[in-house]
Amino acid sequence: QVQLVESGGGLVQAGGSLRLSCAASGRTFSSTAMAWFRQAPGKEREFLAAIKWSGGTTYYGDSVKGRFTISRDNAKNTAYLQMNSLKPEDTAVYYCAVDIYDYCSGAGCYQKLAQYDYWGQGTQVTVSS
């Protein structure tokens, strides 16, 4: 069992920045991939970014490329999402997820919700105009 806890959400003005954290605990594996998704009211959960265990390979959704950066600290079992140039349309609940065995070999795979074994409870991000 793996527990994921997101933090760092809050209220920010348009153009501002936030950094989200996702701390993993419990049973962890050396081959995990971690990812961030978000879900706005009335919308489907949207893929934002994923990162392989090594940290050297990352994938991004089109809506956040160039503005968001995913990273991880394996010693701390923590993933991060640095969000810059925030827009009101970025308002959503942000979730982290872990793919225990990381069999993915391309961006399309990481975008699928079913690829992930565990999810956090989410953290609210609100961007005011």
Foldseek 3Di string as FASTA:
>chain_A
DKAKAKDFADEAAAQAKIKMKIFIDDDAAQFKKKFKWWDAPPDDIWGAKIATSVQPDMDGDPVQPPFWDWGDDVVRNMIMIIGGRDDQVVWTWMKMFMQRRPPDDDDVLVGDPVNTDDMYPTDTHGYHD
